[in-house]
Amino acid sequence: MSAAPGEIIHIAIKNLAPFERVGHRITGDPSGTYKSRGAGWDFVHLCIDDHSRLDGGQDCSFSQG
């Protein structure tokens, strides 16, 4: 743990792939015809202060095509 607020900040970016259609676990069809190609990405930016454990996040979403 750091001695002062803001001394150490952890930053993470997580990219998430959205679903356009249901997958093979729902349809029971493993042939791959239900793939969500070109659906784009959603990004979540996270920041956590090591001293106070105060956190913040921002959803940065955009789509391709």
N, C-alpha and C. Protein backbone atom coordinates (compact mmCIF):
# COMPACT_ATOMS: atom_id res chain seq x y z
N MET A 1 0.85 -1.18 0.00
CA MET A 1 0.00 0.00 0.00
C MET A 1 0.89 1.24 0.00
N SER A 2 0.53 2.23 -0.77
CA SER A 2 1.34 3.44 -0.87
C SER A 2 1.08 4.38 0.30
N ALA A 3 2.00 5.32 0.51
CA ALA A 3 1.91 6.23 1.65
C ALA A 3 0.94 7.38 1.42
N ALA A 4 0.76 7.80 0.17
CA ALA A 4 -0.09 8.96 -0.10
C ALA A 4 -1.06 8.64 -1.25
N PRO A 5 -2.25 9.25 -1.22
CA PRO A 5 -3.19 9.04 -2.32
C PRO A 5 -2.62 9.54 -3.64
N GLY A 6 -2.79 8.77 -4.69
CA GLY A 6 -2.31 9.15 -6.01
C GLY A 6 -0.86 8.79 -6.28
N GLU A 7 -0.17 8.22 -5.28
CA GLU A 7 1.23 7.87 -5.46
C GLU A 7 1.40 6.70 -6.44
N ILE A 8 0.57 5.67 -6.28
CA ILE A 8 0.58 4.52 -7.19
C ILE A 8 -0.83 4.33 -7.73
N ILE A 9 -0.96 4.35 -9.04
CA ILE A 9 -2.26 4.17 -9.69
C ILE A 9 -2.16 2.99 -10.65
N HIS A 10 -3.10 2.07 -10.55
CA HIS A 10 -3.16 0.92 -11.44
C HIS A 10 -4.16 1.24 -12.56
N ILE A 11 -3.73 1.09 -13.80
CA ILE A 11 -4.59 1.35 -14.95
C ILE A 11 -4.69 0.08 -15.78
N ALA A 12 -5.89 -0.28 -16.17
CA ALA A 12 -6.10 -1.47 -17.00
C ALA A 12 -7.11 -1.14 -18.10
N ILE A 13 -6.90 -1.74 -19.26
CA ILE A 13 -7.84 -1.63 -20.37
C ILE A 13 -8.26 -3.03 -20.77
N LYS A 14 -9.54 -3.28 -20.75
CA LYS A 14 -10.08 -4.59 -21.08
C LYS A 14 -10.91 -4.46 -22.35
N ASN A 15 -10.62 -5.30 -23.35
CA ASN A 15 -11.43 -5.28 -24.57
C ASN A 15 -12.40 -6.45 -24.54
N LEU A 16 -13.64 -6.18 -24.89
CA LEU A 16 -14.71 -7.17 -24.85
C LEU A 16 -15.34 -7.29 -26.23
N ALA A 17 -15.56 -8.51 -26.65
CA ALA A 17 -16.19 -8.75 -27.95
C ALA A 17 -17.69 -8.94 -27.74
N PRO A 18 -18.51 -8.11 -28.36
CA PRO A 18 -19.97 -8.26 -28.20
C PRO A 18 -20.50 -9.39 -29.06
N PHE A 19 -21.68 -9.84 -28.76
CA PHE A 19 -22.35 -10.89 -29.50
C PHE A 19 -23.41 -10.30 -30.41
N GLU A 20 -23.42 -10.66 -31.68
CA GLU A 20 -24.50 -10.27 -32.59
C GLU A 20 -25.57 -11.34 -32.66
N ARG A 21 -25.15 -12.58 -32.50
CA ARG A 21 -26.08 -13.72 -32.57
C ARG A 21 -25.79 -14.66 -31.42
N VAL A 22 -26.69 -15.57 -31.16
CA VAL A 22 -26.48 -16.57 -30.13
C VAL A 22 -25.45 -17.59 -30.62
N GLY A 23 -24.76 -18.24 -29.70
CA GLY A 23 -23.70 -19.18 -30.05
C GLY A 23 -24.15 -20.62 -30.09
N HIS A 24 -23.16 -21.50 -30.28
CA HIS A 24 -23.44 -22.92 -30.47
C HIS A 24 -23.96 -23.58 -29.20
N ARG A 25 -23.68 -23.04 -28.04
CA ARG A 25 -24.21 -23.64 -26.81
C ARG A 25 -25.71 -23.45 -26.69
N ILE A 26 -26.24 -22.42 -27.28
CA ILE A 26 -27.68 -22.17 -27.27
C ILE A 26 -28.36 -22.90 -28.42
N THR A 27 -27.78 -22.81 -29.62
CA THR A 27 -28.43 -23.40 -30.80
C THR A 27 -28.18 -24.89 -30.93
N GLY A 28 -27.09 -25.39 -30.34
CA GLY A 28 -26.75 -26.80 -30.48
C GLY A 28 -26.08 -27.13 -31.81
N ASP A 29 -25.72 -26.10 -32.60
CA ASP A 29 -25.11 -26.29 -33.91
C ASP A 29 -23.64 -25.86 -33.84
N PRO A 30 -22.68 -26.81 -33.75
CA PRO A 30 -21.27 -26.45 -33.65
C PRO A 30 -20.60 -26.19 -35.00
N SER A 31 -21.37 -26.03 -36.08
CA SER A 31 -20.78 -25.89 -37.41
C SER A 31 -20.10 -24.53 -37.62
N GLY A 32 -20.36 -23.54 -36.79
CA GLY A 32 -19.70 -22.25 -36.92
C GLY A 32 -20.44 -21.26 -37.79
N THR A 33 -21.67 -21.54 -38.15
CA THR A 33 -22.42 -20.61 -38.99
C THR A 33 -22.98 -19.44 -38.19
N TYR A 34 -22.83 -19.47 -36.88
CA TYR A 34 -23.41 -18.42 -36.03
C TYR A 34 -22.35 -17.49 -35.47
N LYS A 35 -21.21 -17.33 -36.15
CA LYS A 35 -20.13 -16.49 -35.64
C LYS A 35 -20.48 -15.01 -35.81
N SER A 36 -20.04 -14.20 -34.86
CA SER A 36 -20.30 -12.75 -34.88
C SER A 36 -19.08 -12.02 -35.41
N ARG A 37 -18.73 -12.22 -36.64
CA ARG A 37 -17.56 -11.56 -37.22
C ARG A 37 -17.91 -10.11 -37.58
N GLY A 38 -16.98 -9.21 -37.30
CA GLY A 38 -17.18 -7.80 -37.63
C GLY A 38 -18.11 -7.07 -36.69
N ALA A 39 -18.31 -7.61 -35.48
CA ALA A 39 -19.22 -6.99 -34.52
C ALA A 39 -18.59 -5.80 -33.81
N GLY A 40 -17.27 -5.60 -33.96
CA GLY A 40 -16.60 -4.49 -33.29
C GLY A 40 -16.10 -4.90 -31.92
N TRP A 41 -15.67 -3.92 -31.14
CA TRP A 41 -15.15 -4.16 -29.80
C TRP A 41 -15.69 -3.12 -28.84
N ASP A 42 -15.82 -3.51 -27.60
CA ASP A 42 -16.12 -2.59 -26.51
C ASP A 42 -14.89 -2.56 -25.60
N PHE A 43 -14.47 -1.38 -25.19
CA PHE A 43 -13.31 -1.23 -24.32
C PHE A 43 -13.74 -0.63 -22.99
N VAL A 44 -13.21 -1.18 -21.91
CA VAL A 44 -13.46 -0.64 -20.57
C VAL A 44 -12.11 -0.20 -20.01
N HIS A 45 -12.00 1.07 -19.63
CA HIS A 45 -10.79 1.62 -19.03
C HIS A 45 -11.03 1.71 -17.52
N LEU A 46 -10.12 1.13 -16.73
CA LEU A 46 -10.25 1.10 -15.28
C LEU A 46 -9.02 1.74 -14.65
N CYS A 47 -9.24 2.42 -13.52
CA CYS A 47 -8.16 3.05 -12.78
C CYS A 47 -8.44 2.86 -11.28
N ILE A 48 -7.42 2.38 -10.54
CA ILE A 48 -7.57 2.13 -9.10
C ILE A 48 -6.40 2.79 -8.38
N ASP A 49 -6.72 3.61 -7.35
CA ASP A 49 -5.71 4.22 -6.51
C ASP A 49 -5.28 3.22 -5.45
N ASP A 50 -3.96 2.99 -5.31
CA ASP A 50 -3.45 1.98 -4.40
C ASP A 50 -3.66 2.35 -2.94
N HIS A 51 -3.64 3.62 -2.60
CA HIS A 51 -3.76 4.05 -1.21
C HIS A 51 -5.20 3.97 -0.71
N SER A 52 -6.11 4.62 -1.41
CA SER A 52 -7.49 4.72 -0.93
C SER A 52 -8.40 3.63 -1.50
N ARG A 53 -7.90 2.88 -2.49
CA ARG A 53 -8.70 1.86 -3.19
C ARG A 53 -9.91 2.47 -3.90
N LEU A 54 -9.83 3.76 -4.18
CA LEU A 54 -10.85 4.44 -4.96
C LEU A 54 -10.69 4.02 -6.41
N ASP A 55 -11.80 3.69 -7.05
CA ASP A 55 -11.68 3.21 -8.43
C ASP A 55 -12.63 3.99 -9.34
N GLY A 56 -12.35 3.89 -10.61
CA GLY A 56 -13.19 4.53 -11.61
C GLY A 56 -13.10 3.75 -12.90
N GLY A 57 -14.15 3.80 -13.67
CA GLY A 57 -14.16 3.09 -14.94
C GLY A 57 -14.92 3.88 -15.99
N GLN A 58 -14.57 3.63 -17.25
CA GLN A 58 -15.23 4.31 -18.34
C GLN A 58 -15.41 3.31 -19.49
N ASP A 59 -16.62 3.26 -20.02
CA ASP A 59 -16.93 2.39 -21.15
C ASP A 59 -16.68 3.18 -22.44
N CYS A 60 -15.76 2.70 -23.25
CA CYS A 60 -15.43 3.34 -24.53
C CYS A 60 -15.83 2.39 -25.64
N SER A 61 -17.05 2.49 -26.11
CA SER A 61 -17.58 1.55 -27.08
C SER A 61 -17.62 2.16 -28.47
N PHE A 62 -17.33 1.32 -29.46
CA PHE A 62 -17.51 1.69 -30.84
C PHE A 62 -17.65 0.41 -31.66
N SER A 63 -18.24 0.53 -32.82
CA SER A 63 -18.47 -0.63 -33.67
C SER A 63 -17.79 -0.43 -35.02
N GLN A 64 -17.43 -1.52 -35.66
CA GLN A 64 -16.86 -1.48 -36.99
C GLN A 64 -17.96 -1.58 -38.02
N GLY A 65 -17.64 -1.11 -39.21
CA GLY A 65 -18.57 -1.32 -40.32
C GLY A 65 -19.56 -0.34 -40.51
